[in-house]
Amino acid sequence: MKNLLSIVIALLTCGVCAAGDGGFTTRFHITGFPDSTVCKVRIHDGATYDDFRFDSIFIVNDRAELHGISQVEIPARMYVFTDKGTITTYVSNGHEEVISGAADDIDKEALNYEGAPWSNDMMSFNREIGYRINEISRLARKFRSMTDEEKREYSSMARKLDSLQCDFFMRNPNSWHVLSQMEYKMMDMPKEDVRKFYDALEPDRRESPYGKAINGYLNVESIAIGDRLSDFNIIAKDQNGNEVNLANLTEPYILIDFSQVYCGPCIAAAKEIHEIKEKYAGKVAFINYSCDNTEANWRQMVKRDAPTWPSLFDGSGATGEVCLKYGVNCYPTFFLFGPDLTLLDRTEGYAPGMLDTYLSTNTK
């Protein structure tokens, strides 16, 4: 009966069977999960930042499979969400991969990857860097309850991890896993190191969307505290079709909020702006800049958050010139310009009540 159940589940989860049609196949051989455990799957196109497949796999007899056809030419990142942690890998047409181990290996990033061009890279990254990221993420969730000494220790660990990660990236520039993450990490690294990284890329990596984004970043001037808005001005259409030129705003302060539609903290930040906007009327101009790659996603955000302040979209997305010049690699990121139209400060992330505190402190 169990073997029959396995066959039925395999047929249900296979979708378009891809072994012979140039698609991809990923096999999971993982012990420790009860039969019929359901795991959610998300496949993400790093070139456009869009998810092109949501699915489920069923683990029976310690095994599960996913077949399909990728919609992009470069390896697409796949996340498999389990109650033991998240398995990260890639899919690409014409490739098969086997991921094996025990359920308890997932959070320790100790699974084995075999068969795909990125398999060895994934294991090297996970065993040198990945498990450390999981450790510090667990600590981060307890940050507010930490003592001052524990916070100092946490900060020291974070700096060490950042250094180790940068070193790993520099040693493995042509790993697809490294390349897909470098697009975010590069803005935290000295540009001379980013240049060395780019110079070490093989031709196909340079021509990938990741390589083009890195090259774009190297060829723009990055904003810094004290820089004038006139050198980094943003002119774009708002949600009502009106052209907005930040240099023409009359309020003494300008707060630019860089966001994306699927960012949870961005949604919370928009709610707080609704609450405090009148408090800072005439003093602070609130501007949202959408880093979404499609107008449909931006319009979805506008409909959901209903901003009464300008939400700007120019179609350049997260790897466009504006985001590269402003060095935005996480969401939300806020930039505060002062009365002389110079950059006073930037801050990343969001916590409840943060914006009111931030503005009352920095706009006196």
Protein backbone atom coordinates (compact mmCIF):
# COMPACT_ATOMS: atom_id res chain seq x y z
CA MET A 1 0.00 0.00 0.00
CA LYS A 2 2.82 2.39 0.87
CA ASN A 3 4.53 1.86 -2.50
CA LEU A 4 1.25 2.57 -4.30
CA LEU A 5 0.86 5.75 -2.26
CA SER A 6 4.37 6.79 -3.26
CA ILE A 7 3.56 6.37 -6.95
CA VAL A 8 0.32 8.34 -6.67
CA ILE A 9 2.00 11.20 -4.80
CA ALA A 10 4.87 11.28 -7.30
CA LEU A 11 2.37 11.64 -10.13
CA LEU A 12 0.51 14.40 -8.31
CA THR A 13 3.62 16.43 -7.57
CA CYS A 14 5.49 15.84 -10.82
CA GLY A 15 3.56 18.37 -12.90
CA VAL A 16 5.18 18.32 -16.33
CA CYS A 17 7.63 15.45 -16.16
CA ALA A 18 10.89 17.02 -17.23
CA ALA A 19 13.47 14.26 -17.33
CA GLY A 20 13.25 13.87 -21.09
CA ASP A 21 12.08 17.27 -22.21
CA GLY A 22 15.06 19.42 -21.29
CA GLY A 23 13.56 20.61 -18.00
CA PHE A 24 14.92 20.10 -14.49
CA THR A 25 14.57 17.41 -11.83
CA THR A 26 15.39 17.74 -8.14
CA ARG A 27 15.28 14.63 -5.94
CA PHE A 28 15.23 14.74 -2.16
CA HIS A 29 16.41 11.76 -0.10
CA ILE A 30 15.97 13.03 3.45
CA THR A 31 15.32 10.87 6.50
CA GLY A 32 13.47 11.90 9.62
CA PHE A 33 10.20 13.26 8.21
CA PRO A 34 6.90 11.42 8.71
CA ASP A 35 5.34 9.99 5.56
CA SER A 36 3.20 12.46 3.61
CA THR A 37 4.99 15.48 5.08
CA VAL A 38 4.15 18.46 2.86
CA CYS A 39 6.86 21.01 2.05
CA LYS A 40 6.19 24.27 0.23
CA VAL A 41 8.38 25.19 -2.73
CA ARG A 42 9.17 28.60 -4.19
CA ILE A 43 11.25 29.11 -7.32
CA HIS A 44 12.63 32.60 -7.72
CA ASP A 45 14.04 34.28 -10.82
CA GLY A 46 16.95 36.41 -9.66
CA ALA A 47 17.04 38.21 -13.00
CA THR A 48 13.63 39.83 -12.54
CA TYR A 49 13.03 39.27 -8.80
CA ASP A 50 9.80 37.50 -9.64
CA ASP A 51 8.63 34.11 -8.36
CA PHE A 52 7.56 31.98 -11.29
CA ARG A 53 6.50 28.84 -9.46
CA PHE A 54 4.90 27.97 -6.14
CA ASP A 55 4.43 24.27 -5.50
CA SER A 56 4.37 21.52 -2.86
CA ILE A 57 6.26 18.26 -2.52
CA PHE A 58 5.24 15.27 -0.41
CA ILE A 59 7.87 13.25 1.43
CA VAL A 60 7.09 9.52 1.39
CA ASN A 61 9.58 6.78 2.29
CA ASP A 62 12.11 9.59 2.95
CA ARG A 63 11.91 10.69 -0.69
CA ALA A 64 10.35 13.42 -2.81
CA GLU A 65 10.84 14.76 -6.32
CA LEU A 66 10.11 17.94 -8.20
CA HIS A 67 10.13 18.19 -11.99
CA GLY A 68 9.52 21.19 -14.17
CA ILE A 69 10.70 23.58 -16.84
CA SER A 70 12.53 26.72 -15.77
CA GLN A 71 11.39 29.97 -17.32
CA VAL A 72 14.83 31.57 -17.23
CA GLU A 73 18.19 30.84 -18.81
CA ILE A 74 20.35 31.22 -15.72
CA PRO A 75 20.01 28.96 -12.65
CA ALA A 76 16.90 30.00 -10.70
CA ARG A 77 16.96 29.83 -6.92
CA MET A 78 14.63 27.33 -5.27
CA TYR A 79 13.52 27.39 -1.64
CA VAL A 80 11.96 24.33 0.02
CA PHE A 81 10.30 25.27 3.30
CA THR A 82 10.16 22.57 5.98
CA ASP A 83 9.48 22.62 9.72
CA LYS A 84 13.18 21.85 10.21
CA GLY A 85 14.40 24.82 8.20
CA THR A 86 14.73 25.94 4.60
CA ILE A 87 16.58 24.04 1.88
CA THR A 88 18.09 26.36 -0.72
CA THR A 89 19.28 25.25 -4.12
CA TYR A 90 18.88 26.10 -7.81
CA VAL A 91 17.11 24.64 -10.84
CA SER A 92 18.11 24.91 -14.46
CA ASN A 93 16.84 23.16 -17.57
CA GLY A 94 18.80 20.07 -18.51
CA HIS A 95 20.08 19.44 -14.99
CA GLU A 96 19.22 16.96 -12.26
CA GLU A 97 20.23 17.22 -8.62
CA VAL A 98 19.95 14.94 -5.61
CA ILE A 99 19.84 16.47 -2.14
CA SER A 100 20.27 13.99 0.70
CA GLY A 101 20.75 13.79 4.44
CA ALA A 102 18.65 13.89 7.59
CA ALA A 103 15.96 16.35 8.61
CA ASP A 104 18.16 17.60 11.45
CA ASP A 105 20.90 18.42 8.91
CA ILE A 106 18.77 21.14 7.30
CA ASP A 107 19.20 23.85 9.93
CA LYS A 108 22.88 22.90 10.30
CA GLU A 109 23.30 23.33 6.51
CA ALA A 110 24.86 19.86 6.41
CA LEU A 111 22.89 18.29 3.55
CA ASN A 112 24.66 16.69 0.60
CA TYR A 113 24.13 18.09 -2.91
CA GLU A 114 25.04 16.04 -5.98
CA GLY A 115 24.72 16.14 -9.74
CA ALA A 116 24.26 19.82 -10.67
CA PRO A 117 26.89 22.41 -11.67
CA TRP A 118 26.20 24.33 -8.44
CA SER A 119 26.05 21.32 -6.07
CA ASN A 120 29.63 21.52 -4.78
CA ASP A 121 29.37 25.30 -4.48
CA MET A 122 26.25 24.95 -2.32
CA MET A 123 27.94 22.50 0.05
CA SER A 124 31.07 24.63 0.32
CA PHE A 125 29.04 27.76 1.09
CA ASN A 126 26.73 26.03 3.56
CA ARG A 127 29.51 24.38 5.53
CA GLU A 128 31.70 27.45 5.65
CA ILE A 129 29.14 30.27 5.81
CA GLY A 130 25.53 29.06 5.70
CA TYR A 131 25.36 27.46 9.14
CA ARG A 132 26.84 30.63 10.65
CA ILE A 133 24.10 32.72 9.02
CA ASN A 134 21.48 30.47 10.61
CA GLU A 135 23.16 30.78 14.01
CA ILE A 136 23.28 34.56 13.93
CA SER A 137 19.71 34.74 12.62
CA ARG A 138 18.53 32.82 15.67
CA LEU A 139 20.41 35.24 17.91
CA ALA A 140 18.97 38.26 16.08
CA ARG A 141 15.45 37.21 17.08
CA LYS A 142 16.48 37.60 20.72
CA PHE A 143 18.30 40.92 20.25
CA ARG A 144 15.83 43.07 22.19
CA SER A 145 16.10 40.89 25.28
CA MET A 146 19.91 40.73 25.22
CA THR A 147 22.09 42.36 27.85
CA ASP A 148 24.54 45.03 26.69
CA GLU A 149 27.34 42.50 26.87
CA GLU A 150 25.37 40.00 24.78
CA LYS A 151 24.64 42.72 22.21
CA ARG A 152 28.34 43.55 21.95
CA GLU A 153 29.13 39.85 21.47
CA TYR A 154 26.41 39.59 18.84
CA SER A 155 27.79 42.63 16.97
CA SER A 156 31.27 41.11 17.05
CA MET A 157 29.92 37.85 15.61
CA ALA A 158 28.06 39.75 12.89
CA ARG A 159 31.21 41.63 11.87
CA LYS A 160 33.19 38.39 11.77
CA LEU A 161 30.53 36.70 9.66
CA ASP A 162 30.48 39.64 7.28
CA SER A 163 34.25 39.41 6.86
CA LEU A 164 34.14 35.63 6.33
CA GLN A 165 31.36 35.98 3.78
CA CYS A 166 33.21 38.65 1.80
CA ASP A 167 36.34 36.49 1.81
CA PHE A 168 34.36 33.49 0.56
CA PHE A 169 32.85 35.57 -2.23
CA MET A 170 36.24 36.82 -3.35
CA ARG A 171 37.55 33.24 -3.47
CA ASN A 172 34.59 31.87 -5.41
CA PRO A 173 33.49 34.54 -7.90
CA ASN A 174 32.15 32.14 -10.54
CA SER A 175 29.87 30.20 -8.22
CA TRP A 176 26.27 30.84 -9.26
CA HIS A 177 25.29 30.89 -5.59
CA VAL A 178 27.90 33.51 -4.77
CA LEU A 179 27.10 35.52 -7.88
CA SER A 180 23.38 35.64 -7.07
CA GLN A 181 24.14 36.98 -3.58
CA MET A 182 26.89 39.35 -4.62
CA GLU A 183 24.28 41.62 -6.19
CA TYR A 184 23.21 42.48 -2.64
CA LYS A 185 26.54 42.13 -0.85
CA MET A 186 28.51 44.35 -3.23
CA MET A 187 27.05 47.53 -1.77
CA ASP A 188 28.57 46.67 1.60
CA MET A 189 32.03 46.08 0.13
CA PRO A 190 34.79 48.46 -1.00
CA LYS A 191 34.39 49.14 -4.70
CA GLU A 192 37.95 48.07 -5.37
CA ASP A 193 37.06 44.59 -4.05
CA VAL A 194 33.92 44.53 -6.17
CA ARG A 195 36.05 45.42 -9.19
CA LYS A 196 38.45 42.53 -8.44
CA PHE A 197 35.47 40.21 -8.11
CA TYR A 198 34.02 41.35 -11.45
CA ASP A 199 37.37 41.08 -13.22
CA ALA A 200 37.60 37.43 -12.13
CA LEU A 201 34.22 36.50 -13.65
CA GLU A 202 34.05 34.17 -16.62
CA PRO A 203 32.39 35.65 -19.76
CA ASP A 204 29.03 33.93 -19.28
CA ARG A 205 28.87 35.17 -15.67
CA ARG A 206 29.60 38.72 -16.79
CA GLU A 207 26.80 38.53 -19.34
CA SER A 208 24.30 37.21 -16.80
CA PRO A 209 21.86 39.65 -15.15
CA TYR A 210 23.94 39.37 -11.98
CA GLY A 211 27.16 40.28 -13.77
CA LYS A 212 25.49 43.18 -15.56
CA ALA A 213 24.16 44.51 -12.25
CA ILE A 214 27.64 44.38 -10.72
CA ASN A 215 29.11 46.17 -13.71
CA GLY A 216 26.37 48.78 -13.49
CA TYR A 217 27.17 49.38 -9.84
CA LEU A 218 30.86 49.81 -10.66
CA ASN A 219 30.02 52.47 -13.22
CA VAL A 220 27.86 54.74 -11.10
CA GLU A 221 28.82 57.17 -8.39
CA SER A 222 27.46 56.09 -5.01
CA ILE A 223 25.79 58.54 -2.64
CA ALA A 224 27.37 59.32 0.75
CA ILE A 225 26.41 61.38 3.76
CA GLY A 226 26.81 65.07 2.90
CA ASP A 227 26.22 64.62 -0.83
CA ARG A 228 23.79 67.00 -2.51
CA LEU A 229 20.46 65.84 -3.83
CA SER A 230 21.13 67.63 -7.11
CA ASP A 231 23.78 65.01 -7.91
CA PHE A 232 21.43 62.11 -7.08
CA ASN A 233 18.07 63.56 -7.97
CA ILE A 234 15.08 61.36 -8.72
CA ILE A 235 12.51 62.37 -11.34
CA ALA A 236 9.69 59.90 -11.95
CA LYS A 237 5.93 59.55 -12.33
CA ASP A 238 3.81 59.02 -9.21
CA GLN A 239 0.75 56.82 -8.78
CA ASN A 240 -1.47 59.54 -10.25
CA GLY A 241 0.63 60.00 -13.37
CA ASN A 242 2.22 63.27 -12.19
CA GLU A 243 5.92 63.90 -12.68
CA VAL A 244 7.71 64.42 -9.36
CA ASN A 245 11.10 66.13 -9.18
CA LEU A 246 12.58 65.78 -5.71
CA ALA A 247 14.72 68.90 -6.20
CA ASN A 248 11.53 70.98 -6.48
CA LEU A 249 9.95 69.91 -3.19
CA THR A 250 9.37 72.76 -0.75
CA GLU A 251 9.48 70.96 2.62
CA PRO A 252 12.74 71.46 4.57
CA TYR A 253 13.26 67.70 4.90
CA ILE A 254 12.74 64.84 2.44
CA LEU A 255 12.42 61.22 3.56
CA ILE A 256 12.77 58.72 0.71
CA ASP A 257 11.49 55.22 1.41
CA PHE A 258 12.87 52.53 -0.91
CA SER A 259 10.56 49.51 -0.88
CA GLN A 260 9.28 46.43 -2.72
CA VAL A 261 5.78 45.01 -2.89
CA TYR A 262 6.45 41.71 -1.08
CA CYS A 263 8.45 43.27 1.77
CA GLY A 264 6.60 42.83 5.08
CA PRO A 265 8.46 45.58 6.96
CA CYS A 266 7.74 47.95 4.04
CA ILE A 267 4.01 47.38 4.57
CA ALA A 268 4.36 48.16 8.28
CA ALA A 269 6.39 51.30 7.52
CA ALA A 270 3.67 52.57 5.16
CA LYS A 271 1.10 52.14 7.94
CA GLU A 272 3.21 54.28 10.28
CA ILE A 273 3.64 56.99 7.64
CA HIS A 274 -0.16 57.16 7.41
CA GLU A 275 -0.23 57.70 11.18
CA ILE A 276 2.47 60.39 11.43
CA LYS A 277 2.19 62.19 8.09
CA GLU A 278 0.06 65.05 9.43
CA LYS A 279 2.38 65.50 12.43
CA TYR A 280 5.19 66.41 10.03
CA ALA A 281 3.08 68.28 7.48
CA GLY A 282 5.01 71.20 5.98
CA LYS A 283 8.22 69.92 7.52
CA VAL A 284 8.89 66.50 5.95
CA ALA A 285 8.08 65.42 2.40
CA PHE A 286 7.46 61.67 2.38
CA ILE A 287 8.44 59.96 -0.87
CA ASN A 288 8.16 56.28 -1.70
CA TYR A 289 10.41 54.88 -4.43
CA SER A 290 9.35 51.47 -5.75
CA CYS A 291 12.20 49.07 -6.46
CA ASP A 292 9.77 46.66 -8.12
CA ASN A 293 10.63 45.49 -11.61
CA THR A 294 7.09 45.55 -12.97
CA GLU A 295 4.39 48.18 -12.93
CA ALA A 296 1.87 45.49 -11.96
CA ASN A 297 3.74 44.81 -8.71
CA TRP A 298 4.03 48.52 -7.98
CA ARG A 299 0.32 49.04 -8.64
CA GLN A 300 -0.44 46.13 -6.32
CA MET A 301 1.53 47.88 -3.58
CA VAL A 302 -0.20 51.20 -4.25
CA LYS A 303 -3.63 49.59 -4.06
CA ARG A 304 -2.81 47.74 -0.84
CA ASP A 305 -0.97 50.51 1.06
CA ALA A 306 -2.98 53.43 -0.40
CA PRO A 307 -0.20 56.02 0.08
CA THR A 308 -1.41 59.63 0.13
CA TRP A 309 2.15 60.75 -0.53
CA PRO A 310 3.96 60.29 -3.88
CA SER A 311 4.91 56.72 -4.76
CA LEU A 312 7.41 56.82 -7.61
CA PHE A 313 8.05 54.17 -10.24
CA ASP A 314 10.36 54.40 -13.22
CA GLY A 315 10.62 50.74 -14.23
CA SER A 316 14.35 50.44 -13.55
CA GLY A 317 13.82 48.08 -10.61
CA ALA A 318 16.23 46.88 -7.96
CA THR A 319 19.21 46.82 -10.30
CA GLY A 320 18.47 50.12 -12.02
CA GLU A 321 20.59 53.26 -11.84
CA VAL A 322 18.67 54.84 -8.95
CA CYS A 323 18.99 51.82 -6.65
CA LEU A 324 22.63 51.37 -7.60
CA LYS A 325 23.49 55.03 -6.96
CA TYR A 326 21.72 54.92 -3.61
CA GLY A 327 23.29 51.56 -2.74
CA VAL A 328 19.98 49.96 -1.77
CA ASN A 329 20.28 46.25 -1.02
CA CYS A 330 17.58 45.71 1.60
CA TYR A 331 14.04 46.93 2.17
CA PRO A 332 12.92 49.29 3.42
CA THR A 333 15.86 51.68 3.29
CA PHE A 334 15.30 55.34 4.20
CA PHE A 335 17.29 58.41 3.11
CA LEU A 336 16.83 61.74 4.90
CA PHE A 337 17.78 64.97 3.14
CA GLY A 338 17.97 68.25 5.09
CA PRO A 339 17.10 71.93 4.44
CA ASP A 340 20.21 72.45 2.32
CA LEU A 341 19.28 69.38 0.23
CA THR A 342 22.24 67.35 1.42
CA LEU A 343 21.99 63.79 2.67
CA LEU A 344 21.81 63.80 6.46
CA ASP A 345 21.41 60.09 7.14
CA ARG A 346 20.37 56.68 5.85
CA THR A 347 18.88 53.83 7.83
CA GLU A 348 17.84 50.30 6.92
CA GLY A 349 15.00 48.15 8.16
CA TYR A 350 11.91 48.92 10.18
CA ALA A 351 10.55 48.38 13.69
CA PRO A 352 7.21 49.63 15.12
CA GLY A 353 7.33 53.36 15.91
CA MET A 354 10.76 53.74 14.39
CA LEU A 355 9.95 56.48 11.89
CA ASP A 356 8.37 58.87 14.37
CA THR A 357 11.34 58.49 16.71
CA TYR A 358 13.77 58.82 13.81
CA LEU A 359 12.21 61.98 12.43
CA SER A 360 11.69 63.68 15.80
CA THR A 361 15.39 63.13 16.51
CA ASN A 362 16.78 64.14 13.10
CA THR A 363 14.53 67.05 12.03
CA LYS A 364 14.92 69.45 14.95
